[in-house]
N, C-alpha and C. Protein backbone atom coordinates (compact mmCIF):
# COMPACT_ATOMS: atom_id res chain seq x y z
N MET A 1 -233.56 -51.56 91.32
CA MET A 1 -232.28 -52.10 90.94
C MET A 1 -231.44 -52.41 92.18
N VAL A 2 -231.09 -51.42 92.99
CA VAL A 2 -230.32 -51.64 94.21
C VAL A 2 -231.30 -51.81 95.36
N ILE A 3 -231.11 -52.86 96.16
CA ILE A 3 -232.06 -53.14 97.25
C ILE A 3 -231.51 -52.82 98.63
N GLY A 4 -230.23 -52.49 98.73
CA GLY A 4 -229.64 -52.19 100.03
C GLY A 4 -228.14 -52.06 99.90
N ALA A 5 -227.48 -52.00 101.04
CA ALA A 5 -226.02 -51.93 101.09
C ALA A 5 -225.53 -52.95 102.10
N HIS A 6 -224.37 -53.52 101.82
CA HIS A 6 -223.75 -54.50 102.73
C HIS A 6 -222.38 -53.95 103.10
N VAL A 7 -222.17 -53.69 104.37
CA VAL A 7 -220.91 -53.13 104.87
C VAL A 7 -220.13 -54.27 105.51
N ILE A 8 -218.82 -54.31 105.28
CA ILE A 8 -217.97 -55.33 105.88
C ILE A 8 -216.94 -54.65 106.77
N LEU A 9 -216.83 -55.11 108.02
CA LEU A 9 -215.79 -54.64 108.93
C LEU A 9 -214.73 -55.74 108.99
N TYR A 10 -213.56 -55.48 108.48
CA TYR A 10 -212.46 -56.43 108.61
C TYR A 10 -211.82 -56.19 109.97
N THR A 11 -211.69 -57.25 110.76
CA THR A 11 -211.28 -57.11 112.15
C THR A 11 -210.38 -58.27 112.55
N ARG A 12 -209.57 -58.04 113.56
CA ARG A 12 -208.67 -59.08 114.05
C ARG A 12 -209.35 -59.99 115.07
N ASP A 13 -210.56 -59.61 115.52
CA ASP A 13 -211.32 -60.45 116.47
C ASP A 13 -212.80 -60.36 116.11
N ALA A 14 -213.18 -61.07 115.06
CA ALA A 14 -214.55 -61.00 114.55
C ALA A 14 -215.57 -61.45 115.59
N GLU A 15 -215.27 -62.48 116.35
CA GLU A 15 -216.21 -62.97 117.36
C GLU A 15 -216.53 -61.88 118.39
N ALA A 16 -215.50 -61.23 118.90
CA ALA A 16 -215.71 -60.18 119.90
C ALA A 16 -216.47 -59.00 119.32
N ASP A 17 -216.14 -58.61 118.10
CA ASP A 17 -216.83 -57.47 117.49
C ASP A 17 -218.27 -57.83 117.12
N ARG A 18 -218.53 -59.07 116.73
CA ARG A 18 -219.91 -59.51 116.48
C ARG A 18 -220.72 -59.45 117.78
N ALA A 19 -220.13 -59.92 118.86
CA ALA A 19 -220.81 -59.87 120.16
C ALA A 19 -221.09 -58.42 120.56
N PHE A 20 -220.16 -57.53 120.28
CA PHE A 20 -220.34 -56.10 120.59
C PHE A 20 -221.52 -55.53 119.81
N LEU A 21 -221.56 -55.79 118.51
CA LEU A 21 -222.67 -55.28 117.69
C LEU A 21 -224.00 -55.85 118.15
N ARG A 22 -224.01 -57.12 118.53
CA ARG A 22 -225.23 -57.78 118.97
C ARG A 22 -225.63 -57.34 120.37
N ASP A 23 -224.71 -57.41 121.33
CA ASP A 23 -225.05 -57.23 122.74
C ASP A 23 -224.97 -55.79 123.23
N VAL A 24 -224.01 -55.03 122.75
CA VAL A 24 -223.84 -53.66 123.23
C VAL A 24 -224.66 -52.67 122.39
N LEU A 25 -224.51 -52.75 121.07
CA LEU A 25 -225.28 -51.84 120.22
C LEU A 25 -226.69 -52.34 119.97
N GLY A 26 -226.94 -53.61 120.24
CA GLY A 26 -228.29 -54.15 120.12
C GLY A 26 -228.78 -54.31 118.69
N PHE A 27 -227.87 -54.47 117.73
CA PHE A 27 -228.28 -54.63 116.34
C PHE A 27 -228.91 -56.01 116.15
N GLU A 28 -230.08 -56.04 115.54
CA GLU A 28 -230.72 -57.30 115.19
C GLU A 28 -229.86 -57.98 114.13
N HIS A 29 -229.98 -59.31 114.02
CA HIS A 29 -229.10 -60.03 113.11
C HIS A 29 -229.74 -61.33 112.65
N VAL A 30 -229.14 -61.87 111.61
CA VAL A 30 -229.45 -63.22 111.17
C VAL A 30 -228.14 -64.00 111.21
N ASP A 31 -228.25 -65.31 111.39
CA ASP A 31 -227.08 -66.18 111.36
C ASP A 31 -227.03 -66.79 109.97
N ALA A 32 -226.01 -66.44 109.22
CA ALA A 32 -225.86 -66.95 107.86
C ALA A 32 -225.26 -68.34 107.83
N GLY A 33 -225.02 -68.90 109.02
CA GLY A 33 -224.48 -70.24 109.13
C GLY A 33 -223.19 -70.24 109.92
N GLY A 34 -223.09 -71.16 110.86
CA GLY A 34 -221.86 -71.31 111.63
C GLY A 34 -221.51 -70.13 112.51
N GLY A 35 -222.53 -69.39 112.96
CA GLY A 35 -222.27 -68.23 113.80
C GLY A 35 -221.84 -66.99 113.04
N TRP A 36 -221.94 -67.04 111.72
CA TRP A 36 -221.57 -65.89 110.89
C TRP A 36 -222.75 -64.93 110.89
N LEU A 37 -222.71 -63.94 111.78
CA LEU A 37 -223.83 -63.03 111.96
C LEU A 37 -223.78 -61.89 110.95
N ILE A 38 -224.94 -61.57 110.40
CA ILE A 38 -225.11 -60.41 109.53
C ILE A 38 -226.12 -59.51 110.20
N PHE A 39 -225.73 -58.25 110.41
CA PHE A 39 -226.52 -57.33 111.23
C PHE A 39 -227.37 -56.38 110.40
N LYS A 40 -228.57 -56.15 110.90
CA LYS A 40 -229.45 -55.14 110.34
C LYS A 40 -228.94 -53.80 110.82
N LEU A 41 -228.74 -52.88 109.89
CA LEU A 41 -228.29 -51.55 110.25
C LEU A 41 -229.46 -50.58 110.31
N PRO A 42 -229.28 -49.49 111.03
CA PRO A 42 -230.28 -48.44 110.98
C PRO A 42 -230.32 -47.84 109.57
N PRO A 43 -231.28 -46.97 109.29
CA PRO A 43 -231.30 -46.32 107.98
C PRO A 43 -229.92 -45.73 107.66
N ALA A 44 -229.59 -45.72 106.38
CA ALA A 44 -228.25 -45.30 105.98
C ALA A 44 -228.31 -44.32 104.82
N GLU A 45 -227.17 -43.72 104.57
CA GLU A 45 -227.00 -42.86 103.41
C GLU A 45 -225.55 -42.98 102.95
N VAL A 46 -225.26 -42.56 101.74
CA VAL A 46 -223.91 -42.61 101.21
C VAL A 46 -223.58 -41.25 100.61
N ALA A 47 -222.35 -40.81 100.81
CA ALA A 47 -221.89 -39.54 100.25
C ALA A 47 -220.61 -39.79 99.47
N THR A 48 -220.34 -38.96 98.49
CA THR A 48 -219.12 -39.05 97.70
C THR A 48 -218.32 -37.78 97.93
N HIS A 49 -217.09 -37.94 98.42
CA HIS A 49 -216.24 -36.80 98.74
C HIS A 49 -214.99 -36.83 97.85
N PRO A 50 -214.51 -35.66 97.43
CA PRO A 50 -213.25 -35.63 96.67
C PRO A 50 -212.08 -35.89 97.61
N THR A 51 -210.99 -36.41 97.06
CA THR A 51 -209.78 -36.63 97.86
C THR A 51 -208.55 -36.41 97.02
N GLU A 52 -207.51 -35.92 97.64
CA GLU A 52 -206.20 -35.82 97.00
C GLU A 52 -205.38 -37.07 97.31
N GLY A 53 -205.82 -37.81 98.35
CA GLY A 53 -205.10 -39.02 98.76
C GLY A 53 -205.66 -40.25 98.08
N GLU A 54 -205.40 -41.40 98.70
CA GLU A 54 -205.89 -42.67 98.17
C GLU A 54 -207.41 -42.74 98.31
N PRO A 55 -208.12 -43.18 97.27
CA PRO A 55 -209.56 -43.38 97.40
C PRO A 55 -209.84 -44.46 98.46
N GLY A 56 -210.96 -44.39 99.10
CA GLY A 56 -211.30 -45.37 100.12
C GLY A 56 -212.75 -45.28 100.53
N VAL A 57 -213.10 -46.07 101.53
CA VAL A 57 -214.46 -46.11 102.06
C VAL A 57 -214.36 -45.99 103.57
N GLU A 58 -215.27 -45.24 104.17
CA GLU A 58 -215.31 -45.10 105.62
C GLU A 58 -216.72 -45.40 106.11
N LEU A 59 -216.82 -45.84 107.35
CA LEU A 59 -218.11 -46.13 107.97
C LEU A 59 -218.24 -45.28 109.23
N TYR A 60 -219.33 -44.55 109.34
CA TYR A 60 -219.65 -43.78 110.52
C TYR A 60 -221.06 -44.18 110.96
N LEU A 61 -221.28 -44.38 112.24
CA LEU A 61 -222.63 -44.57 112.75
C LEU A 61 -223.15 -43.21 113.18
N MET A 62 -224.38 -42.90 112.79
CA MET A 62 -224.97 -41.59 113.08
C MET A 62 -225.83 -41.67 114.34
N CYS A 63 -225.80 -40.60 115.13
CA CYS A 63 -226.54 -40.51 116.39
C CYS A 63 -227.33 -39.22 116.43
N GLU A 64 -228.51 -39.27 117.05
CA GLU A 64 -229.29 -38.05 117.24
C GLU A 64 -228.67 -37.17 118.33
N ASP A 65 -228.13 -37.79 119.38
CA ASP A 65 -227.53 -37.09 120.50
C ASP A 65 -226.22 -37.79 120.83
N LEU A 66 -225.13 -37.31 120.25
CA LEU A 66 -223.84 -37.98 120.38
C LEU A 66 -223.35 -38.03 121.82
N ALA A 67 -223.49 -36.94 122.54
CA ALA A 67 -223.03 -36.90 123.94
C ALA A 67 -223.74 -37.96 124.78
N GLN A 68 -225.06 -38.07 124.64
CA GLN A 68 -225.81 -39.05 125.41
C GLN A 68 -225.46 -40.47 124.96
N THR A 69 -225.29 -40.67 123.67
CA THR A 69 -224.91 -41.98 123.16
C THR A 69 -223.59 -42.43 123.76
N LEU A 70 -222.62 -41.53 123.81
CA LEU A 70 -221.31 -41.89 124.38
C LEU A 70 -221.43 -42.21 125.87
N LEU A 71 -222.24 -41.44 126.59
CA LEU A 71 -222.46 -41.74 128.02
C LEU A 71 -223.09 -43.12 128.19
N ASP A 72 -224.09 -43.42 127.37
CA ASP A 72 -224.75 -44.73 127.45
C ASP A 72 -223.77 -45.86 127.14
N LEU A 73 -222.92 -45.66 126.15
CA LEU A 73 -221.95 -46.69 125.79
C LEU A 73 -220.88 -46.84 126.87
N GLU A 74 -220.44 -45.73 127.45
CA GLU A 74 -219.47 -45.81 128.54
C GLU A 74 -220.04 -46.58 129.73
N ASP A 75 -221.33 -46.38 130.00
CA ASP A 75 -221.99 -47.14 131.08
C ASP A 75 -221.97 -48.64 130.81
N LYS A 76 -221.85 -49.02 129.55
CA LYS A 76 -221.78 -50.44 129.17
C LYS A 76 -220.34 -50.91 129.06
N GLY A 77 -219.38 -50.06 129.46
CA GLY A 77 -217.98 -50.44 129.44
C GLY A 77 -217.25 -50.18 128.14
N VAL A 78 -217.87 -49.44 127.23
CA VAL A 78 -217.25 -49.15 125.94
C VAL A 78 -216.25 -48.01 126.11
N GLN A 79 -215.07 -48.17 125.48
CA GLN A 79 -214.04 -47.13 125.54
C GLN A 79 -214.29 -46.09 124.46
N VAL A 80 -214.34 -44.82 124.86
CA VAL A 80 -214.41 -43.72 123.90
C VAL A 80 -212.97 -43.43 123.50
N SER A 81 -212.65 -43.62 122.23
CA SER A 81 -211.27 -43.45 121.77
C SER A 81 -210.98 -42.05 121.25
N ARG A 82 -212.02 -41.32 120.87
CA ARG A 82 -211.87 -39.92 120.45
C ARG A 82 -213.03 -39.14 121.04
N ALA A 83 -212.70 -38.13 121.81
CA ALA A 83 -213.73 -37.26 122.42
C ALA A 83 -214.44 -36.47 121.33
N ILE A 84 -215.57 -35.91 121.69
CA ILE A 84 -216.37 -35.14 120.73
C ILE A 84 -215.59 -33.94 120.22
N GLU A 85 -215.59 -33.82 118.90
CA GLU A 85 -214.98 -32.67 118.23
C GLU A 85 -216.04 -32.02 117.35
N GLU A 86 -216.03 -30.72 117.32
CA GLU A 86 -216.94 -29.96 116.45
C GLU A 86 -216.35 -29.94 115.05
N GLN A 87 -217.16 -30.35 114.08
CA GLN A 87 -216.78 -30.27 112.67
C GLN A 87 -217.78 -29.33 111.99
N ARG A 88 -217.48 -28.88 110.81
CA ARG A 88 -218.43 -27.97 110.14
C ARG A 88 -219.72 -28.68 109.78
N TRP A 89 -219.71 -30.00 109.69
CA TRP A 89 -220.87 -30.80 109.30
C TRP A 89 -221.55 -31.49 110.47
N GLY A 90 -220.98 -31.38 111.69
CA GLY A 90 -221.60 -32.02 112.84
C GLY A 90 -220.60 -32.29 113.95
N LEU A 91 -220.98 -33.13 114.88
CA LEU A 91 -220.12 -33.53 115.99
C LEU A 91 -219.56 -34.91 115.70
N LEU A 92 -218.28 -35.11 115.97
CA LEU A 92 -217.60 -36.36 115.66
C LEU A 92 -216.89 -36.90 116.89
N ALA A 93 -216.98 -38.21 117.10
CA ALA A 93 -216.25 -38.91 118.16
C ALA A 93 -216.00 -40.33 117.65
N ALA A 94 -215.39 -41.15 118.48
CA ALA A 94 -215.16 -42.54 118.09
C ALA A 94 -215.11 -43.42 119.33
N ILE A 95 -215.48 -44.68 119.13
CA ILE A 95 -215.40 -45.68 120.19
C ILE A 95 -214.45 -46.78 119.72
N ARG A 96 -214.00 -47.59 120.67
CA ARG A 96 -213.09 -48.68 120.37
C ARG A 96 -213.86 -50.00 120.45
N LEU A 97 -213.83 -50.78 119.37
CA LEU A 97 -214.43 -52.10 119.37
C LEU A 97 -213.53 -53.06 120.17
N PRO A 98 -214.05 -54.19 120.60
CA PRO A 98 -213.22 -55.14 121.36
C PRO A 98 -211.94 -55.55 120.63
N SER A 99 -211.97 -55.58 119.30
CA SER A 99 -210.79 -55.96 118.51
C SER A 99 -209.73 -54.87 118.49
N GLY A 100 -210.09 -53.68 118.96
CA GLY A 100 -209.17 -52.54 118.90
C GLY A 100 -209.48 -51.59 117.76
N THR A 101 -210.36 -52.01 116.85
CA THR A 101 -210.75 -51.18 115.73
C THR A 101 -211.51 -49.96 116.22
N GLU A 102 -211.22 -48.82 115.64
CA GLU A 102 -211.94 -47.60 116.02
C GLU A 102 -213.16 -47.45 115.12
N LEU A 103 -214.30 -47.12 115.73
CA LEU A 103 -215.55 -46.93 115.00
C LEU A 103 -216.04 -45.50 115.25
N PRO A 104 -216.02 -44.66 114.21
CA PRO A 104 -216.47 -43.27 114.38
C PRO A 104 -218.00 -43.19 114.52
N LEU A 105 -218.43 -42.25 115.34
CA LEU A 105 -219.84 -41.91 115.52
C LEU A 105 -219.98 -40.42 115.26
N TYR A 106 -221.10 -40.04 114.67
CA TYR A 106 -221.30 -38.59 114.53
C TYR A 106 -222.76 -38.20 114.61
N GLU A 107 -222.93 -36.95 115.03
CA GLU A 107 -224.24 -36.31 115.10
C GLU A 107 -224.28 -35.30 113.96
N PRO A 108 -225.07 -35.58 112.92
CA PRO A 108 -225.07 -34.69 111.77
C PRO A 108 -225.70 -33.33 112.08
N ARG A 109 -225.13 -32.33 111.49
CA ARG A 109 -225.67 -30.97 111.55
C ARG A 109 -226.00 -30.51 110.13
N HIS A 110 -226.25 -31.44 109.27
CA HIS A 110 -226.57 -31.19 107.87
C HIS A 110 -227.88 -31.92 107.56
N PRO A 111 -228.55 -31.58 106.49
CA PRO A 111 -229.73 -32.34 106.11
C PRO A 111 -229.34 -33.80 105.87
N THR A 112 -230.19 -34.72 106.29
CA THR A 112 -229.91 -36.14 106.09
C THR A 112 -230.78 -36.69 104.98
N ALA A 113 -230.27 -37.72 104.32
CA ALA A 113 -231.00 -38.31 103.19
C ALA A 113 -231.74 -39.58 103.59
N TYR A 114 -231.42 -40.18 104.72
CA TYR A 114 -231.97 -41.50 105.06
C TYR A 114 -233.46 -41.48 105.36
N ASP A 115 -234.03 -40.32 105.59
CA ASP A 115 -235.46 -40.29 105.90
C ASP A 115 -236.30 -39.67 104.79
N ILE A 116 -235.73 -39.56 103.60
CA ILE A 116 -236.48 -39.04 102.46
C ILE A 116 -237.55 -40.06 102.05
N SER A 117 -238.76 -39.61 101.91
CA SER A 117 -239.83 -40.52 101.47
C SER A 117 -239.84 -40.57 99.95
N PRO A 118 -240.13 -41.75 99.41
CA PRO A 118 -240.16 -41.86 97.92
C PRO A 118 -241.29 -41.06 97.32
């Protein structure tokens, strides 16, 4: 029934952020026409969390080694906007996209679902 997920990043500088995803993160992509790039993401998972506030959706990129990933990204000129913080579920940090949008990264310390075999 469901064949995948499509994530949309709304940004004030789509061209710069597309170049970042393509050139810095190295995500493979297809051109849907007119330079409108759609990127292949690594394996993914979705979780449902309760909230007392407004319902919403968040995107986090997962890393096996968050500290090394941040060092590698800094070497490419990427700004780390939030240093690594210990959470009960893993390590959390964030980087700044060229548009100014913050993109969280985390190293899970919980079982992951993306590698479950059918």
